[in-house]
PDB file of N, CA and C in Angstrom:
ATOM      1  N   MET A   1     -25.116 -10.534   3.751  1.00  0.00           N
ATOM      2  CA  MET A   1     -24.635 -11.417   4.969  1.00  0.00           C
ATOM      3  C   MET A   1     -22.724 -11.624   4.667  1.00  0.00           C
ATOM      4  N   ALA A   2     -22.970 -12.171   3.511  1.00  0.00           N
ATOM      5  CA  ALA A   2     -22.076 -13.052   2.635  1.00  0.00           C
ATOM      6  C   ALA A   2     -20.994 -12.157   2.401  1.00  0.00           C
ATOM      7  N   ASP A   3     -21.215 -10.628   1.684  1.00  0.00           N
ATOM      8  CA  ASP A   3     -20.151  -9.826   1.826  1.00  0.00           C
ATOM      9  C   ASP A   3     -19.407  -9.701   3.029  1.00  0.00           C
ATOM     10  N   THR A   4     -20.315  -9.578   4.155  1.00  0.00           N
ATOM     11  CA  THR A   4     -19.514  -9.090   5.314  1.00  0.00           C
ATOM     12  C   THR A   4     -18.679  -9.941   5.722  1.00  0.00           C
ATOM     13  N   THR A   5     -18.725 -11.451   5.761  1.00  0.00           N
ATOM     14  CA  THR A   5     -18.058 -12.494   5.890  1.00  0.00           C
ATOM     15  C   THR A   5     -16.665 -12.429   4.804  1.00  0.00           C
ATOM     16  N   LYS A   6     -16.685 -11.965   3.727  1.00  0.00           N
ATOM     17  CA  LYS A   6     -15.912 -12.148   2.734  1.00  0.00           C
ATOM     18  C   LYS A   6     -14.586 -10.907   3.146  1.00  0.00           C
ATOM     19  N   LYS A   7     -15.555  -9.456   3.845  1.00  0.00           N
ATOM     20  CA  LYS A   7     -14.729  -8.741   3.998  1.00  0.00           C
ATOM     21  C   LYS A   7     -13.581  -9.011   5.416  1.00  0.00           C
ATOM     22  N   GLN A   8     -14.402  -9.724   6.437  1.00  0.00           N
ATOM     23  CA  GLN A   8     -13.796  -9.995   7.678  1.00  0.00           C
ATOM     24  C   GLN A   8     -12.762 -10.932   7.157  1.00  0.00           C
ATOM     25  N   THR A   9     -12.779 -12.303   6.536  1.00  0.00           N
ATOM     26  CA  THR A   9     -12.054 -13.059   6.084  1.00  0.00           C
ATOM     27  C   THR A   9     -10.521 -12.066   5.325  1.00  0.00           C
ATOM     28  N   PHE A  10     -10.540 -11.236   4.618  1.00  0.00           N
ATOM     29  CA  PHE A  10      -9.874 -10.552   3.904  1.00  0.00           C
ATOM     30  C   PHE A  10      -9.062  -9.788   4.785  1.00  0.00           C
ATOM     31  N   GLY A  11      -9.694  -9.108   5.620  1.00  0.00           N
ATOM     32  CA  GLY A  11      -9.147  -8.383   6.932  1.00  0.00           C
ATOM     33  C   GLY A  11      -8.233  -9.245   7.806  1.00  0.00           C
ATOM     34  N   ASP A  12      -8.597 -10.551   8.097  1.00  0.00           N
ATOM     35  CA  ASP A  12      -7.755 -11.249   8.821  1.00  0.00           C
ATOM     36  C   ASP A  12      -6.799 -11.629   7.971  1.00  0.00           C
ATOM     37  N   ARG A  13      -6.793 -12.274   6.847  1.00  0.00           N
ATOM     38  CA  ARG A  13      -5.494 -12.050   6.154  1.00  0.00           C
ATOM     39  C   ARG A  13      -4.791 -11.160   6.014  1.00  0.00           C
ATOM     40  N   LEU A  14      -4.995 -10.153   5.815  1.00  0.00           N
ATOM     41  CA  LEU A  14      -4.254  -8.933   5.722  1.00  0.00           C
ATOM     42  C   LEU A  14      -3.714  -8.460   7.198  1.00  0.00           C
ATOM     43  N   LEU A  15      -4.278  -8.773   8.250  1.00  0.00           N
ATOM     44  CA  LEU A  15      -3.720  -8.603   9.381  1.00  0.00           C
ATOM     45  C   LEU A  15      -2.291  -9.843   9.557  1.00  0.00           C
ATOM     46  N   LEU A  16      -2.608 -10.838   8.834  1.00  0.00           N
ATOM     47  CA  LEU A  16      -1.737 -12.008   9.083  1.00  0.00           C
ATOM     48  C   LEU A  16      -0.254 -11.429   8.435  1.00  0.00           C
ATOM     49  N   ALA A  17      -0.422 -11.099   7.121  1.00  0.00           N
ATOM     50  CA  ALA A  17       0.478 -10.523   6.180  1.00  0.00           C
ATOM     51  C   ALA A  17       1.295  -9.282   7.062  1.00  0.00           C
ATOM     52  N   LEU A  18       0.577  -8.646   7.609  1.00  0.00           N
ATOM     53  CA  LEU A  18       1.211  -7.448   8.454  1.00  0.00           C
ATOM     54  C   LEU A  18       1.968  -7.844   9.716  1.00  0.00           C
ATOM     55  N   LYS A  19       1.149  -8.713  10.287  1.00  0.00           N
ATOM     56  CA  LYS A  19       2.007  -9.574  11.646  1.00  0.00           C
ATOM     57  C   LYS A  19       3.363 -10.145  10.898  1.00  0.00           C
ATOM     58  N   ALA A  20       3.193 -11.063   9.929  1.00  0.00           N
ATOM     59  CA  ALA A  20       4.331 -11.710   9.631  1.00  0.00           C
ATOM     60  C   ALA A  20       5.680 -10.554   8.997  1.00  0.00           C
ATOM     61  N   HIS A  21       5.113  -9.691   8.631  1.00  0.00           N
ATOM     62  CA  HIS A  21       6.165  -8.431   8.185  1.00  0.00           C
ATOM     63  C   HIS A  21       7.049  -7.909   9.247  1.00  0.00           C
ATOM     64  N   ARG A  22       6.331  -7.424  10.367  1.00  0.00           N
ATOM     65  CA  ARG A  22       6.827  -6.798  11.389  1.00  0.00           C
ATOM     66  C   ARG A  22       7.254  -5.556  11.464  1.00  0.00           C
ATOM     67  N   LEU A  23       7.442  -5.070  10.253  1.00  0.00           N
ATOM     68  CA  LEU A  23       7.580  -3.359   9.843  1.00  0.00           C
ATOM     69  C   LEU A  23       6.560  -2.783   9.122  1.00  0.00           C
ATOM     70  N   SER A  24       6.942  -1.458   8.696  1.00  0.00           N
ATOM     71  CA  SER A  24       5.976  -0.817   7.956  1.00  0.00           C
ATOM     72  C   SER A  24       5.941  -1.218   6.312  1.00  0.00           C
ATOM     73  N   ILE A  25       5.042  -1.077   5.899  1.00  0.00           N
ATOM     74  CA  ILE A  25       5.231  -1.921   4.458  1.00  0.00           C
ATOM     75  C   ILE A  25       4.032  -1.089   3.676  1.00  0.00           C
ATOM     76  N   THR A  26       4.232  -0.902   2.581  1.00  0.00           N
ATOM     77  CA  THR A  26       3.466  -0.229   1.542  1.00  0.00           C
ATOM     78  C   THR A  26       2.228  -1.183   1.039  1.00  0.00           C
ATOM     79  N   ALA A  27       0.891  -0.678   0.441  1.00  0.00           N
ATOM     80  CA  ALA A  27       0.043  -1.417   0.095  1.00  0.00           C
ATOM     81  C   ALA A  27       0.242  -2.634  -0.996  1.00  0.00           C
ATOM     82  N   ALA A  28       1.399  -2.176  -1.934  1.00  0.00           N
ATOM     83  CA  ALA A  28       1.608  -2.921  -3.049  1.00  0.00           C
ATOM     84  C   ALA A  28       2.842  -4.412  -2.199  1.00  0.00           C
ATOM     85  N   GLY A  29       3.519  -3.840  -1.344  1.00  0.00           N
ATOM     86  CA  GLY A  29       4.211  -4.782  -0.859  1.00  0.00           C
ATOM     87  C   GLY A  29       3.361  -5.729   0.074  1.00  0.00           C
ATOM     88  N   ILE A  30       2.491  -5.473   0.781  1.00  0.00           N
ATOM     89  CA  ILE A  30       1.284  -6.332   1.131  1.00  0.00           C
ATOM     90  C   ILE A  30       0.857  -7.326  -0.004  1.00  0.00           C
ATOM     91  N   ALA A  31       0.157  -6.349  -0.786  1.00  0.00           N
ATOM     92  CA  ALA A  31      -0.177  -7.594  -1.952  1.00  0.00           C
ATOM     93  C   ALA A  31       0.503  -8.330  -2.406  1.00  0.00           C
ATOM     94  N   GLU A  32       2.060  -7.898  -2.706  1.00  0.00           N
ATOM     95  CA  GLU A  32       3.097  -8.843  -3.168  1.00  0.00           C
ATOM     96  C   GLU A  32       2.999  -9.960  -2.178  1.00  0.00           C
ATOM     97  N   LYS A  33       3.031  -9.768  -0.812  1.00  0.00           N
ATOM     98  CA  LYS A  33       3.113 -11.023   0.117  1.00  0.00           C
ATOM     99  C   LYS A  33       2.019 -11.707   0.183  1.00  0.00           C
ATOM    100  N   MET A  34       0.744 -11.342  -0.137  1.00  0.00           N
ATOM    101  CA  MET A  34      -0.564 -12.179  -0.061  1.00  0.00           C
ATOM    102  C   MET A  34      -0.574 -13.055  -1.198  1.00  0.00           C
ATOM    103  N   GLY A  35      -0.306 -12.525  -2.335  1.00  0.00           N
ATOM    104  CA  GLY A  35      -0.329 -13.291  -3.408  1.00  0.00           C
ATOM    105  C   GLY A  35      -1.874 -13.456  -4.016  1.00  0.00           C
ATOM    106  N   ASP A  36      -2.211 -14.343  -4.686  1.00  0.00           N
ATOM    107  CA  ASP A  36      -3.562 -14.858  -4.990  1.00  0.00           C
ATOM    108  C   ASP A  36      -4.279 -13.852  -6.020  1.00  0.00           C
ATOM    109  N   GLY A  37      -3.519 -12.939  -6.781  1.00  0.00           N
ATOM    110  CA  GLY A  37      -3.686 -12.048  -7.785  1.00  0.00           C
ATOM    111  C   GLY A  37      -4.267 -10.812  -7.199  1.00  0.00           C
ATOM    112  N   ILE A  38      -4.345 -10.460  -5.664  1.00  0.00           N
ATOM    113  CA  ILE A  38      -4.603  -9.323  -4.649  1.00  0.00           C
ATOM    114  C   ILE A  38      -3.835  -8.107  -5.383  1.00  0.00           C
ATOM    115  N   ASP A  39      -4.646  -6.790  -5.584  1.00  0.00           N
ATOM    116  CA  ASP A  39      -3.609  -5.722  -6.011  1.00  0.00           C
ATOM    117  C   ASP A  39      -3.783  -4.840  -5.040  1.00  0.00           C
ATOM    118  N   SER A  40      -2.797  -3.710  -5.221  1.00  0.00           N
ATOM    119  CA  SER A  40      -2.532  -3.044  -4.007  1.00  0.00           C
ATOM    120  C   SER A  40      -3.751  -1.978  -3.730  1.00  0.00           C
ATOM    121  N   ARG A  41      -4.640  -1.704  -4.760  1.00  0.00           N
ATOM    122  CA  ARG A  41      -5.944  -0.892  -4.423  1.00  0.00           C
ATOM    123  C   ARG A  41      -6.700  -1.877  -3.594  1.00  0.00           C
ATOM    124  N   ALA A  42      -6.690  -3.139  -3.820  1.00  0.00           N
ATOM    125  CA  ALA A  42      -7.818  -3.887  -2.798  1.00  0.00           C
ATOM    126  C   ALA A  42      -7.319  -4.071  -1.651  1.00  0.00           C
ATOM    127  N   VAL A  43      -5.537  -3.935  -1.135  1.00  0.00           N
ATOM    128  CA  VAL A  43      -5.308  -3.952  -0.011  1.00  0.00           C
ATOM    129  C   VAL A  43      -5.298  -2.588   0.552  1.00  0.00           C
ATOM    130  N   ALA A  44      -5.382  -1.700  -0.052  1.00  0.00           N
ATOM    131  CA  ALA A  44      -5.167  -0.123   0.403  1.00  0.00           C
ATOM    132  C   ALA A  44      -7.093   0.194   1.102  1.00  0.00           C
ATOM    133  N   THR A  45      -7.718  -0.210   0.402  1.00  0.00           N
ATOM    134  CA  THR A  45      -9.369  -0.584   0.618  1.00  0.00           C
ATOM    135  C   THR A  45      -9.521  -1.371   1.876  1.00  0.00           C
ATOM    136  N   GLY A  46      -8.955  -2.545   2.010  1.00  0.00           N
ATOM    137  CA  GLY A  46      -9.323  -3.283   3.099  1.00  0.00           C
ATOM    138  C   GLY A  46      -8.455  -2.752   4.438  1.00  0.00           C
ATOM    139  N   ALA A  47      -7.094  -2.055   4.105  1.00  0.00           N
ATOM    140  CA  ALA A  47      -6.532  -1.363   4.910  1.00  0.00           C
ATOM    141  C   ALA A  47      -7.178  -0.344   5.692  1.00  0.00           C
ATOM    142  N   ARG A  48      -8.071   0.326   4.833  1.00  0.00           N
ATOM    143  CA  ARG A  48      -8.662   1.349   5.712  1.00  0.00           C
ATOM    144  C   ARG A  48      -9.733   0.935   6.753  1.00  0.00           C
ATOM    145  N   LEU A  49     -10.673  -0.107   6.798  1.00  0.00           N
ATOM    146  CA  LEU A  49     -11.196  -0.520   7.388  1.00  0.00           C
ATOM    147  C   LEU A  49     -10.589  -0.712   8.738  1.00  0.00           C
ATOM    148  N   LEU A  50      -9.395  -1.686   8.669  1.00  0.00           N
ATOM    149  CA  LEU A  50      -8.660  -2.281   9.809  1.00  0.00           C
ATOM    150  C   LEU A  50      -8.124  -0.984  10.534  1.00  0.00           C
ATOM    151  N   VAL A  51      -7.724   0.283   9.732  1.00  0.00           N
ATOM    152  CA  VAL A  51      -7.236   1.614  10.293  1.00  0.00           C
ATOM    153  C   VAL A  51      -8.516   2.326  11.357  1.00  0.00           C
ATOM    154  N   LYS A  52      -9.702   2.049  10.753  1.00  0.00           N
ATOM    155  CA  LYS A  52     -10.740   2.758  11.425  1.00  0.00           C
ATOM    156  C   LYS A  52     -11.065   1.656  13.048  1.00  0.00           C
ATOM    157  N   ARG A  53     -10.736   0.561  12.778  1.00  0.00           N
ATOM    158  CA  ARG A  53     -10.891  -0.100  13.985  1.00  0.00           C
ATOM    159  C   ARG A  53      -9.842  -0.259  15.022  1.00  0.00           C
ATOM    160  N   GLY A  54      -8.793   0.278  14.546  1.00  0.00           N
ATOM    161  CA  GLY A  54      -7.451   0.673  15.179  1.00  0.00           C
ATOM    162  C   GLY A  54      -6.648  -0.432  15.436  1.00  0.00           C
ATOM    163  N   GLN A  55      -6.633  -1.776  14.423  1.00  0.00           N
ATOM    164  CA  GLN A  55      -5.881  -2.716  14.288  1.00  0.00           C
ATOM    165  C   GLN A  55      -4.389  -2.437  13.835  1.00  0.00           C
ATOM    166  N   ILE A  56      -4.646  -1.428  12.718  1.00  0.00           N
ATOM    167  CA  ILE A  56      -3.242  -1.396  12.374  1.00  0.00           C
ATOM    168  C   ILE A  56      -3.373   0.147  11.961  1.00  0.00           C
ATOM    169  N   THR A  57      -2.019   0.841  12.172  1.00  0.00           N
ATOM    170  CA  THR A  57      -1.799   2.235  11.670  1.00  0.00           C
ATOM    171  C   THR A  57      -1.403   2.682  10.294  1.00  0.00           C
ATOM    172  N   MET A  58      -1.488   3.737  10.140  1.00  0.00           N
ATOM    173  CA  MET A  58      -0.824   4.145   8.925  1.00  0.00           C
ATOM    174  C   MET A  58      -0.179   5.531   8.656  1.00  0.00           C
ATOM    175  N   THR A  59       0.811   5.468   8.262  1.00  0.00           N
ATOM    176  CA  THR A  59       1.759   6.744   8.177  1.00  0.00           C
ATOM    177  C   THR A  59       2.331   7.098   6.627  1.00  0.00           C
ATOM    178  N   TYR A  60       2.328   8.248   6.519  1.00  0.00           N
ATOM    179  CA  TYR A  60       2.794   8.718   5.147  1.00  0.00           C
ATOM    180  C   TYR A  60       4.310   9.012   5.409  1.00  0.00           C
ATOM    181  N   LYS A  61       4.942   8.710   4.005  1.00  0.00           N
ATOM    182  CA  LYS A  61       6.568   9.186   4.078  1.00  0.00           C
ATOM    183  C   LYS A  61       6.478   9.131   2.356  1.00  0.00           C
ATOM    184  N   LYS A  62       6.957  10.532   2.086  1.00  0.00           N
ATOM    185  CA  LYS A  62       6.983  10.892   0.733  1.00  0.00           C
ATOM    186  C   LYS A  62       6.201  10.640  -0.368  1.00  0.00           C
ATOM    187  N   GLY A  63       4.729  10.682   0.375  1.00  0.00           N
ATOM    188  CA  GLY A  63       3.472  10.588  -0.450  1.00  0.00           C
ATOM    189  C   GLY A  63       2.927   9.277  -0.629  1.00  0.00           C
ATOM    190  N   ARG A  64       3.928   8.179  -0.028  1.00  0.00           N
ATOM    191  CA  ARG A  64       3.252   7.012   0.055  1.00  0.00           C
ATOM    192  C   ARG A  64       2.720   6.337   1.372  1.00  0.00           C
ATOM    193  N   GLY A  65       1.739   5.784   1.294  1.00  0.00           N
ATOM    194  CA  GLY A  65       1.206   5.071   2.638  1.00  0.00           C
ATOM    195  C   GLY A  65       1.671   4.123   3.144  1.00  0.00           C
ATOM    196  N   PHE A  66       2.091   3.906   4.625  1.00  0.00           N
ATOM    197  CA  PHE A  66       2.644   2.784   5.070  1.00  0.00           C
ATOM    198  C   PHE A  66       1.788   2.145   6.104  1.00  0.00           C
ATOM    199  N   TYR A  67       1.604   0.910   6.025  1.00  0.00           N
ATOM    200  CA  TYR A  67       0.629   0.528   7.053  1.00  0.00           C
ATOM    201  C   TYR A  67       1.615  -0.483   8.135  1.00  0.00           C
ATOM    202  N   ARG A  68       1.211  -0.614   9.321  1.00  0.00           N
ATOM    203  CA  ARG A  68       1.975  -1.296  10.430  1.00  0.00           C
ATOM    204  C   ARG A  68       0.867  -2.103  11.105  1.00  0.00           C
ATOM    205  N   PHE A  69       1.182  -3.343  11.706  1.00  0.00           N
ATOM    206  CA  PHE A  69      -0.076  -3.956  12.594  1.00  0.00           C
ATOM    207  C   PHE A  69       0.172  -3.384  13.886  1.00  0.00           C
ATOM    208  N   VAL A  70      -0.559  -3.115  14.640  1.00  0.00           N
ATOM    209  CA  VAL A  70      -0.513  -2.509  16.359  1.00  0.00           C
ATOM    210  C   VAL A  70      -0.488  -3.179  17.004  1.00  0.00           C
ATOM    211  N   ARG A  71       0.535  -3.646  17.792  1.00  0.00           N
ATOM    212  CA  ARG A  71       0.601  -4.928  18.778  1.00  0.00           C
ATOM    213  C   ARG A  71       0.032  -4.212  20.107  1.00  0.00           C
ATOM    214  N   MET A  72      -0.788  -4.822  20.680  1.00  0.00           N
ATOM    215  CA  MET A  72      -1.744  -4.318  21.711  1.00  0.00           C
ATOM    216  C   MET A  72      -1.053  -5.033  23.058  1.00  0.00           C
ATOM    217  N   THR A  73      -0.133  -4.447  23.498  1.00  0.00           N
ATOM    218  CA  THR A  73       0.583  -5.237  24.894  1.00  0.00           C
ATOM    219  C   THR A  73       0.328  -4.028  26.151  1.00  0.00           C
ATOM    220  N   PRO A  74       0.044  -4.853  27.154  1.00  0.00           N
ATOM    221  CA  PRO A  74      -0.136  -3.866  27.762  1.00  0.00           C
ATOM    222  C   PRO A  74       1.099  -3.036  28.636  1.00  0.00           C
ATOM    223  N   SER A  75       0.805  -1.900  29.154  1.00  0.00           N
ATOM    224  CA  SER A  75       1.959  -1.164  29.442  1.00  0.00           C
ATOM    225  C   SER A  75       2.554  -1.349  30.675  1.00  0.00           C
ATOM    226  N   ALA A  76       4.066  -0.943  30.764  1.00  0.00           N
ATOM    227  CA  ALA A  76       4.327  -1.372  32.007  1.00  0.00           C
ATOM    228  C   ALA A  76       4.042  -0.471  33.276  1.00  0.00           C
TER     229      ALA A  76
END
């Protein structure tokens, strides 16, 4: 149970970092923004869970994955 809470907390921090950036960013860029000794591999692993939940999107450009926060706005 503690492991699930830890994952949720990391996911929340990851979402906040993406919201603050407002543009597509690589896992390495997110890790740098989050600090605390977090590496890009940890970010990529956490981001996969958020992609499955539909909270962020992932695109590839020149072989690199870029993550972006999905804004849930009502359609006009």
